[in-house]
Full PDB file with SEQRES, HELIX, SHEET, SSBOND, CRYST1, ORIGX, SCALE, CONECT and MASTER records, all heavy atoms in Angstrom:
SEQRES   1 A   31  GLN PHE THR LEU VAL THR THR MET LEU ILE ILE PHE SER          
SEQRES   2 A   31  CYS MET CYS PHE ALA ALA ILE ASP GLN PHE LEU LEU LEU          
SEQRES   3 A   31  THR ASN ARG TRP ARG                                          
HELIX    1 AA1 PHE A    2  LEU A   25  1                                  24    
CRYST1    1.000    1.000    1.000  90.00  90.00  90.00 P 1           1          
ORIGX1      1.000000  0.000000  0.000000        0.00000                         
ORIGX2      0.000000  1.000000  0.000000        0.00000                         
ORIGX3      0.000000  0.000000  1.000000        0.00000                         
SCALE1      1.000000  0.000000  0.000000        0.00000                         
SCALE2      0.000000  1.000000  0.000000        0.00000                         
SCALE3      0.000000  0.000000  1.000000        0.00000                         
ATOM      1  N   GLN A   1     149.651 -37.918 242.948  1.00  0.00           N  
ATOM      2  CA  GLN A   1     149.741 -37.358 241.650  1.00  0.00           C  
ATOM      3  C   GLN A   1     151.110 -37.660 241.014  1.00  0.00           C  
ATOM      4  O   GLN A   1     151.206 -38.009 239.823  1.00  0.00           O  
ATOM      5  CB  GLN A   1     149.486 -35.851 241.665  1.00  0.00           C  
ATOM      6  CG  GLN A   1     148.050 -35.453 242.056  1.00  0.00           C  
ATOM      7  CD  GLN A   1     147.078 -36.042 241.038  1.00  0.00           C  
ATOM      8  OE1 GLN A   1     147.292 -36.065 239.843  1.00  0.00           O  
ATOM      9  NE2 GLN A   1     145.968 -36.571 241.547  1.00  0.00           N  
ATOM     10  N   PHE A   2     152.169 -37.512 241.776  1.00  0.00           N  
ATOM     11  CA  PHE A   2     153.493 -37.781 241.324  1.00  0.00           C  
ATOM     12  C   PHE A   2     153.597 -39.253 240.868  1.00  0.00           C  
ATOM     13  O   PHE A   2     154.149 -39.583 239.809  1.00  0.00           O  
ATOM     14  CB  PHE A   2     154.539 -37.531 242.437  1.00  0.00           C  
ATOM     15  CG  PHE A   2     155.927 -37.979 242.114  1.00  0.00           C  
ATOM     16  CD1 PHE A   2     156.739 -37.207 241.300  1.00  0.00           C  
ATOM     17  CD2 PHE A   2     156.413 -39.181 242.577  1.00  0.00           C  
ATOM     18  CE1 PHE A   2     158.061 -37.647 241.034  1.00  0.00           C  
ATOM     19  CE2 PHE A   2     157.713 -39.612 242.284  1.00  0.00           C  
ATOM     20  CZ  PHE A   2     158.489 -38.833 241.477  1.00  0.00           C  
ATOM     21  N   THR A   3     153.091 -40.151 241.663  1.00  0.00           N  
ATOM     22  CA  THR A   3     153.148 -41.586 241.319  1.00  0.00           C  
ATOM     23  C   THR A   3     152.365 -41.892 240.048  1.00  0.00           C  
ATOM     24  O   THR A   3     152.866 -42.656 239.198  1.00  0.00           O  
ATOM     25  CB  THR A   3     152.584 -42.431 242.508  1.00  0.00           C  
ATOM     26  OG1 THR A   3     153.347 -42.075 243.681  1.00  0.00           O  
ATOM     27  CG2 THR A   3     152.688 -43.875 242.233  1.00  0.00           C  
ATOM     28  N   LEU A   4     151.149 -41.326 239.926  1.00  0.00           N  
ATOM     29  CA  LEU A   4     150.382 -41.587 238.740  1.00  0.00           C  
ATOM     30  C   LEU A   4     151.052 -41.087 237.507  1.00  0.00           C  
ATOM     31  O   LEU A   4     151.103 -41.808 236.461  1.00  0.00           O  
ATOM     32  CB  LEU A   4     148.991 -40.997 238.880  1.00  0.00           C  
ATOM     33  CG  LEU A   4     148.114 -41.646 239.978  1.00  0.00           C  
ATOM     34  CD1 LEU A   4     146.785 -40.908 240.106  1.00  0.00           C  
ATOM     35  CD2 LEU A   4     147.872 -43.084 239.683  1.00  0.00           C  
ATOM     36  N   VAL A   5     151.540 -39.879 237.523  1.00  0.00           N  
ATOM     37  CA  VAL A   5     152.198 -39.331 236.349  1.00  0.00           C  
ATOM     38  C   VAL A   5     153.478 -40.045 235.972  1.00  0.00           C  
ATOM     39  O   VAL A   5     153.703 -40.399 234.834  1.00  0.00           O  
ATOM     40  CB  VAL A   5     152.443 -37.771 236.572  1.00  0.00           C  
ATOM     41  CG1 VAL A   5     153.356 -37.243 235.467  1.00  0.00           C  
ATOM     42  CG2 VAL A   5     151.155 -37.009 236.625  1.00  0.00           C  
ATOM     43  N   THR A   6     154.278 -40.298 236.990  1.00  0.00           N  
ATOM     44  CA  THR A   6     155.588 -40.941 236.743  1.00  0.00           C  
ATOM     45  C   THR A   6     155.417 -42.355 236.267  1.00  0.00           C  
ATOM     46  O   THR A   6     156.080 -42.746 235.285  1.00  0.00           O  
ATOM     47  CB  THR A   6     156.416 -40.922 238.056  1.00  0.00           C  
ATOM     48  OG1 THR A   6     156.535 -39.582 238.511  1.00  0.00           O  
ATOM     49  CG2 THR A   6     157.785 -41.492 237.830  1.00  0.00           C  
ATOM     50  N   THR A   7     154.546 -43.139 236.858  1.00  0.00           N  
ATOM     51  CA  THR A   7     154.368 -44.506 236.400  1.00  0.00           C  
ATOM     52  C   THR A   7     153.774 -44.620 235.017  1.00  0.00           C  
ATOM     53  O   THR A   7     154.165 -45.480 234.244  1.00  0.00           O  
ATOM     54  CB  THR A   7     153.511 -45.335 237.400  1.00  0.00           C  
ATOM     55  OG1 THR A   7     152.260 -44.633 237.593  1.00  0.00           O  
ATOM     56  CG2 THR A   7     154.209 -45.509 238.710  1.00  0.00           C  
ATOM     57  N   MET A   8     152.880 -43.683 234.676  1.00  0.00           N  
ATOM     58  CA  MET A   8     152.259 -43.676 233.339  1.00  0.00           C  
ATOM     59  C   MET A   8     153.363 -43.431 232.313  1.00  0.00           C  
ATOM     60  O   MET A   8     153.431 -44.067 231.310  1.00  0.00           O  
ATOM     61  CB  MET A   8     151.158 -42.594 233.278  1.00  0.00           C  
ATOM     62  CG  MET A   8     150.583 -42.517 231.909  1.00  0.00           C  
ATOM     63  SD  MET A   8     149.424 -41.127 231.773  1.00  0.00           S  
ATOM     64  CE  MET A   8     150.472 -39.736 232.065  1.00  0.00           C  
ATOM     65  N   LEU A   9     154.245 -42.483 232.584  1.00  0.00           N  
ATOM     66  CA  LEU A   9     155.330 -42.147 231.606  1.00  0.00           C  
ATOM     67  C   LEU A   9     156.329 -43.269 231.515  1.00  0.00           C  
ATOM     68  O   LEU A   9     156.851 -43.506 230.439  1.00  0.00           O  
ATOM     69  CB  LEU A   9     155.966 -40.809 232.010  1.00  0.00           C  
ATOM     70  CG  LEU A   9     155.066 -39.594 231.826  1.00  0.00           C  
ATOM     71  CD1 LEU A   9     155.677 -38.387 232.456  1.00  0.00           C  
ATOM     72  CD2 LEU A   9     154.738 -39.357 230.381  1.00  0.00           C  
ATOM     73  N   ILE A  10     156.642 -43.915 232.602  1.00  0.00           N  
ATOM     74  CA  ILE A  10     157.561 -45.046 232.594  1.00  0.00           C  
ATOM     75  C   ILE A  10     156.968 -46.192 231.735  1.00  0.00           C  
ATOM     76  O   ILE A  10     157.647 -46.816 230.949  1.00  0.00           O  
ATOM     77  CB  ILE A  10     157.940 -45.524 233.990  1.00  0.00           C  
ATOM     78  CG1 ILE A  10     158.796 -44.474 234.658  1.00  0.00           C  
ATOM     79  CG2 ILE A  10     158.642 -46.857 233.979  1.00  0.00           C  
ATOM     80  CD1 ILE A  10     159.023 -44.691 236.153  1.00  0.00           C  
ATOM     81  N   ILE A  11     155.682 -46.456 231.940  1.00  0.00           N  
ATOM     82  CA  ILE A  11     155.029 -47.525 231.164  1.00  0.00           C  
ATOM     83  C   ILE A  11     155.023 -47.228 229.716  1.00  0.00           C  
ATOM     84  O   ILE A  11     155.413 -48.065 228.890  1.00  0.00           O  
ATOM     85  CB  ILE A  11     153.578 -47.711 231.645  1.00  0.00           C  
ATOM     86  CG1 ILE A  11     153.594 -48.338 233.036  1.00  0.00           C  
ATOM     87  CG2 ILE A  11     152.747 -48.563 230.684  1.00  0.00           C  
ATOM     88  CD1 ILE A  11     152.239 -48.288 233.807  1.00  0.00           C  
ATOM     89  N   PHE A  12     154.697 -45.962 229.309  1.00  0.00           N  
ATOM     90  CA  PHE A  12     154.759 -45.590 227.904  1.00  0.00           C  
ATOM     91  C   PHE A  12     156.175 -45.704 227.327  1.00  0.00           C  
ATOM     92  O   PHE A  12     156.342 -46.147 226.191  1.00  0.00           O  
ATOM     93  CB  PHE A  12     154.255 -44.178 227.666  1.00  0.00           C  
ATOM     94  CG  PHE A  12     152.747 -44.052 227.883  1.00  0.00           C  
ATOM     95  CD1 PHE A  12     152.205 -42.810 228.235  1.00  0.00           C  
ATOM     96  CD2 PHE A  12     151.863 -45.094 227.679  1.00  0.00           C  
ATOM     97  CE1 PHE A  12     150.858 -42.701 228.389  1.00  0.00           C  
ATOM     98  CE2 PHE A  12     150.501 -44.961 227.837  1.00  0.00           C  
ATOM     99  CZ  PHE A  12     149.984 -43.727 228.184  1.00  0.00           C  
ATOM    100  N   SER A  13     157.149 -45.288 228.095  1.00  0.00           N  
ATOM    101  CA  SER A  13     158.540 -45.393 227.627  1.00  0.00           C  
ATOM    102  C   SER A  13     158.958 -46.816 227.395  1.00  0.00           C  
ATOM    103  O   SER A  13     159.571 -47.137 226.380  1.00  0.00           O  
ATOM    104  CB  SER A  13     159.465 -44.716 228.627  1.00  0.00           C  
ATOM    105  OG  SER A  13     159.197 -43.340 228.774  1.00  0.00           O  
ATOM    106  N   CYS A  14     158.620 -47.676 228.329  1.00  0.00           N  
ATOM    107  CA  CYS A  14     159.020 -49.075 228.178  1.00  0.00           C  
ATOM    108  C   CYS A  14     158.285 -49.723 226.983  1.00  0.00           C  
ATOM    109  O   CYS A  14     158.868 -50.522 226.292  1.00  0.00           O  
ATOM    110  CB  CYS A  14     158.729 -49.866 229.465  1.00  0.00           C  
ATOM    111  SG  CYS A  14     159.912 -49.465 230.774  1.00  0.00           S  
ATOM    112  N   MET A  15     157.038 -49.383 226.766  1.00  0.00           N  
ATOM    113  CA  MET A  15     156.322 -49.921 225.601  1.00  0.00           C  
ATOM    114  C   MET A  15     156.977 -49.445 224.291  1.00  0.00           C  
ATOM    115  O   MET A  15     157.134 -50.171 223.354  1.00  0.00           O  
ATOM    116  CB  MET A  15     154.841 -49.536 225.639  1.00  0.00           C  
ATOM    117  CG  MET A  15     154.098 -50.142 226.779  1.00  0.00           C  
ATOM    118  SD  MET A  15     153.984 -51.897 226.712  1.00  0.00           S  
ATOM    119  CE  MET A  15     152.826 -52.071 225.406  1.00  0.00           C  
ATOM    120  N   CYS A  16     157.376 -48.144 224.269  1.00  0.00           N  
ATOM    121  CA  CYS A  16     158.077 -47.595 223.106  1.00  0.00           C  
ATOM    122  C   CYS A  16     159.412 -48.282 222.881  1.00  0.00           C  
ATOM    123  O   CYS A  16     159.831 -48.618 221.765  1.00  0.00           O  
ATOM    124  CB  CYS A  16     158.268 -46.104 223.222  1.00  0.00           C  
ATOM    125  SG  CYS A  16     156.734 -45.205 223.037  1.00  0.00           S  
ATOM    126  N   PHE A  17     160.161 -48.481 224.005  1.00  0.00           N  
ATOM    127  CA  PHE A  17     161.442 -49.194 223.906  1.00  0.00           C  
ATOM    128  C   PHE A  17     161.262 -50.585 223.397  1.00  0.00           C  
ATOM    129  O   PHE A  17     162.116 -51.064 222.562  1.00  0.00           O  
ATOM    130  CB  PHE A  17     162.112 -49.232 225.305  1.00  0.00           C  
ATOM    131  CG  PHE A  17     162.578 -47.932 225.837  1.00  0.00           C  
ATOM    132  CD1 PHE A  17     162.742 -47.705 227.170  1.00  0.00           C  
ATOM    133  CD2 PHE A  17     162.910 -46.903 224.951  1.00  0.00           C  
ATOM    134  CE1 PHE A  17     163.186 -46.551 227.677  1.00  0.00           C  
ATOM    135  CE2 PHE A  17     163.348 -45.651 225.446  1.00  0.00           C  
ATOM    136  CZ  PHE A  17     163.499 -45.470 226.831  1.00  0.00           C  
ATOM    137  N   ALA A  18     160.199 -51.288 223.789  1.00  0.00           N  
ATOM    138  CA  ALA A  18     159.973 -52.661 223.287  1.00  0.00           C  
ATOM    139  C   ALA A  18     159.666 -52.638 221.789  1.00  0.00           C  
ATOM    140  O   ALA A  18     160.152 -53.483 221.022  1.00  0.00           O  
ATOM    141  CB  ALA A  18     158.842 -53.297 224.083  1.00  0.00           C  
ATOM    142  N   ALA A  19     158.894 -51.689 221.311  1.00  0.00           N  
ATOM    143  CA  ALA A  19     158.564 -51.612 219.915  1.00  0.00           C  
ATOM    144  C   ALA A  19     159.827 -51.268 219.084  1.00  0.00           C  
ATOM    145  O   ALA A  19     160.082 -51.832 218.023  1.00  0.00           O  
ATOM    146  CB  ALA A  19     157.478 -50.570 219.659  1.00  0.00           C  
ATOM    147  N   ILE A  20     160.623 -50.297 219.574  1.00  0.00           N  
ATOM    148  CA  ILE A  20     161.852 -49.919 218.900  1.00  0.00           C  
ATOM    149  C   ILE A  20     162.822 -51.082 218.910  1.00  0.00           C  
ATOM    150  O   ILE A  20     163.505 -51.370 217.928  1.00  0.00           O  
ATOM    151  CB  ILE A  20     162.479 -48.659 219.525  1.00  0.00           C  
ATOM    152  CG1 ILE A  20     161.542 -47.462 219.286  1.00  0.00           C  
ATOM    153  CG2 ILE A  20     163.866 -48.374 219.039  1.00  0.00           C  
ATOM    154  CD1 ILE A  20     161.946 -46.244 220.123  1.00  0.00           C  
ATOM    155  N   ASP A  21     162.873 -51.807 220.003  1.00  0.00           N  
ATOM    156  CA  ASP A  21     163.726 -52.979 220.121  1.00  0.00           C  
ATOM    157  C   ASP A  21     163.379 -54.015 219.071  1.00  0.00           C  
ATOM    158  O   ASP A  21     164.239 -54.625 218.404  1.00  0.00           O  
ATOM    159  CB  ASP A  21     163.620 -53.546 221.509  1.00  0.00           C  
ATOM    160  CG  ASP A  21     164.611 -54.712 221.705  1.00  0.00           C  
ATOM    161  OD1 ASP A  21     165.807 -54.469 221.855  1.00  0.00           O  
ATOM    162  OD2 ASP A  21     164.121 -55.880 221.749  1.00  0.00           O  
ATOM    163  N   GLN A  22     162.097 -54.250 218.895  1.00  0.00           N  
ATOM    164  CA  GLN A  22     161.653 -55.254 217.914  1.00  0.00           C  
ATOM    165  C   GLN A  22     161.978 -54.791 216.472  1.00  0.00           C  
ATOM    166  O   GLN A  22     162.313 -55.631 215.607  1.00  0.00           O  
ATOM    167  CB  GLN A  22     160.201 -55.536 218.063  1.00  0.00           C  
ATOM    168  CG  GLN A  22     159.829 -56.341 219.283  1.00  0.00           C  
ATOM    169  CD  GLN A  22     160.531 -57.714 219.302  1.00  0.00           C  
ATOM    170  OE1 GLN A  22     160.314 -58.505 218.354  1.00  0.00           O  
ATOM    171  NE2 GLN A  22     161.378 -57.904 220.276  1.00  0.00           N  
ATOM    172  N   PHE A  23     161.838 -53.489 216.241  1.00  0.00           N  
ATOM    173  CA  PHE A  23     162.201 -52.987 214.936  1.00  0.00           C  
ATOM    174  C   PHE A  23     163.699 -53.133 214.638  1.00  0.00           C  
ATOM    175  O   PHE A  23     164.124 -53.525 213.610  1.00  0.00           O  
ATOM    176  CB  PHE A  23     161.813 -51.500 214.803  1.00  0.00           C  
ATOM    177  CG  PHE A  23     162.317 -50.877 213.528  1.00  0.00           C  
ATOM    178  CD1 PHE A  23     161.727 -51.117 212.355  1.00  0.00           C  
ATOM    179  CD2 PHE A  23     163.370 -49.964 213.582  1.00  0.00           C  
ATOM    180  CE1 PHE A  23     162.200 -50.560 211.136  1.00  0.00           C  
ATOM    181  CE2 PHE A  23     163.884 -49.421 212.412  1.00  0.00           C  
ATOM    182  CZ  PHE A  23     163.252 -49.690 211.236  1.00  0.00           C  
ATOM    183  N   LEU A  24     164.490 -52.777 215.686  1.00  0.00           N  
ATOM    184  CA  LEU A  24     165.952 -52.860 215.484  1.00  0.00           C  
ATOM    185  C   LEU A  24     166.415 -54.303 215.354  1.00  0.00           C  
ATOM    186  O   LEU A  24     167.454 -54.601 214.707  1.00  0.00           O  
ATOM    187  CB  LEU A  24     166.677 -52.198 216.687  1.00  0.00           C  
ATOM    188  CG  LEU A  24     166.553 -50.694 216.752  1.00  0.00           C  
ATOM    189  CD1 LEU A  24     167.240 -50.173 218.004  1.00  0.00           C  
ATOM    190  CD2 LEU A  24     167.044 -49.960 215.559  1.00  0.00           C  
ATOM    191  N   LEU A  25     165.658 -55.224 215.903  1.00  0.00           N  
ATOM    192  CA  LEU A  25     166.019 -56.636 215.770  1.00  0.00           C  
ATOM    193  C   LEU A  25     165.915 -57.154 214.346  1.00  0.00           C  
ATOM    194  O   LEU A  25     166.557 -58.084 213.978  1.00  0.00           O  
ATOM    195  CB  LEU A  25     165.134 -57.450 216.708  1.00  0.00           C  
ATOM    196  CG  LEU A  25     165.609 -58.822 217.170  1.00  0.00           C  
ATOM    197  CD1 LEU A  25     166.863 -58.609 218.011  1.00  0.00           C  
ATOM    198  CD2 LEU A  25     164.555 -59.499 217.946  1.00  0.00           C  
ATOM    199  N   LEU A  26     165.079 -56.456 213.580  1.00  0.00           N  
ATOM    200  CA  LEU A  26     164.890 -56.855 212.175  1.00  0.00           C  
ATOM    201  C   LEU A  26     166.017 -56.359 211.225  1.00  0.00           C  
ATOM    202  O   LEU A  26     166.164 -56.833 210.111  1.00  0.00           O  
ATOM    203  CB  LEU A  26     163.579 -56.300 211.658  1.00  0.00           C  
ATOM    204  CG  LEU A  26     162.329 -56.869 212.323  1.00  0.00           C  
ATOM    205  CD1 LEU A  26     161.096 -56.181 211.832  1.00  0.00           C  
ATOM    206  CD2 LEU A  26     162.255 -58.390 212.074  1.00  0.00           C  
ATOM    207  N   THR A  27     166.782 -55.392 211.699  1.00  0.00           N  
ATOM    208  CA  THR A  27     167.870 -54.837 210.824  1.00  0.00           C  
ATOM    209  C   THR A  27     169.172 -55.411 211.294  1.00  0.00           C  
ATOM    210  O   THR A  27     169.494 -55.574 212.501  1.00  0.00           O  
ATOM    211  CB  THR A  27     167.920 -53.316 210.971  1.00  0.00           C  
ATOM    212  OG1 THR A  27     168.202 -52.959 212.302  1.00  0.00           O  
ATOM    213  CG2 THR A  27     166.640 -52.689 210.546  1.00  0.00           C  
ATOM    214  N   ASN A  28     170.030 -55.800 210.309  1.00  0.00           N  
ATOM    215  CA  ASN A  28     171.356 -56.360 210.658  1.00  0.00           C  
ATOM    216  C   ASN A  28     172.313 -55.290 211.218  1.00  0.00           C  
ATOM    217  O   ASN A  28     173.161 -55.604 212.043  1.00  0.00           O  
ATOM    218  CB  ASN A  28     171.995 -56.990 209.420  1.00  0.00           C  
ATOM    219  CG  ASN A  28     171.338 -58.261 209.043  1.00  0.00           C  
ATOM    220  OD1 ASN A  28     170.771 -58.965 209.974  1.00  0.00           O  
ATOM    221  ND2 ASN A  28     171.283 -58.587 207.789  1.00  0.00           N  
ATOM    222  N   ARG A  29     172.122 -54.063 210.806  1.00  0.00           N  
ATOM    223  CA  ARG A  29     173.009 -52.959 211.177  1.00  0.00           C  
ATOM    224  C   ARG A  29     172.859 -52.585 212.668  1.00  0.00           C  
ATOM    225  O   ARG A  29     173.862 -52.295 213.316  1.00  0.00           O  
ATOM    226  CB  ARG A  29     172.810 -51.794 210.263  1.00  0.00           C  
ATOM    227  CG  ARG A  29     173.708 -50.648 210.533  1.00  0.00           C  
ATOM    228  CD  ARG A  29     173.470 -49.588 209.541  1.00  0.00           C  
ATOM    229  NE  ARG A  29     174.396 -48.442 209.788  1.00  0.00           N  
ATOM    230  CZ  ARG A  29     174.348 -47.289 209.200  1.00  0.00           C  
ATOM    231  NH1 ARG A  29     173.391 -47.120 208.285  1.00  0.00           N  
ATOM    232  NH2 ARG A  29     175.231 -46.353 209.479  1.00  0.00           N  
ATOM    233  N   TRP A  30     171.661 -52.597 213.181  1.00  0.00           N  
ATOM    234  CA  TRP A  30     171.385 -52.156 214.548  1.00  0.00           C  
ATOM    235  C   TRP A  30     171.079 -53.264 215.536  1.00  0.00           C  
ATOM    236  O   TRP A  30     170.704 -53.031 216.678  1.00  0.00           O  
ATOM    237  CB  TRP A  30     170.279 -51.149 214.523  1.00  0.00           C  
ATOM    238  CG  TRP A  30     170.555 -49.975 213.678  1.00  0.00           C  
ATOM    239  CD1 TRP A  30     170.026 -49.754 212.431  1.00  0.00           C  
ATOM    240  CD2 TRP A  30     171.446 -48.915 213.947  1.00  0.00           C  
ATOM    241  NE1 TRP A  30     170.547 -48.559 211.956  1.00  0.00           N  
ATOM    242  CE2 TRP A  30     171.418 -48.036 212.856  1.00  0.00           C  
ATOM    243  CE3 TRP A  30     172.238 -48.591 215.026  1.00  0.00           C  
ATOM    244  CZ2 TRP A  30     172.140 -46.887 212.773  1.00  0.00           C  
ATOM    245  CZ3 TRP A  30     172.999 -47.417 214.999  1.00  0.00           C  
ATOM    246  CH2 TRP A  30     172.970 -46.600 213.827  1.00  0.00           C  
ATOM    247  N   ARG A  31     171.213 -54.558 215.110  1.00  0.00           N  
ATOM    248  CA  ARG A  31     170.851 -55.646 215.965  1.00  0.00           C  
ATOM    249  C   ARG A  31     171.643 -55.734 217.262  1.00  0.00           C  
ATOM    250  O   ARG A  31     171.157 -56.166 218.300  1.00  0.00           O  
ATOM    251  CB  ARG A  31     171.020 -56.931 215.202  1.00  0.00           C  
ATOM    252  CG  ARG A  31     170.497 -58.155 215.927  1.00  0.00           C  
ATOM    253  CD  ARG A  31     170.444 -59.340 215.030  1.00  0.00           C  
ATOM    254  NE  ARG A  31     169.452 -59.122 214.047  1.00  0.00           N  
ATOM    255  CZ  ARG A  31     169.095 -60.050 213.192  1.00  0.00           C  
ATOM    256  NH1 ARG A  31     169.618 -61.187 213.192  1.00  0.00           N  
ATOM    257  NH2 ARG A  31     168.152 -59.787 212.276  1.00  0.00           N  
TER     258      ARG A  31                                                      
MASTER        0    0    0    1    0    0    0    6  257    1    0    3          
END                                                                             
């Protein structure tokens, strides 16, 4: 149960980080 919950949350976090990273890449201020 620990593995399933932890890995799911890590996957969601990394996907969110990738989306935020792509957004920040479009702005000169936060690149």
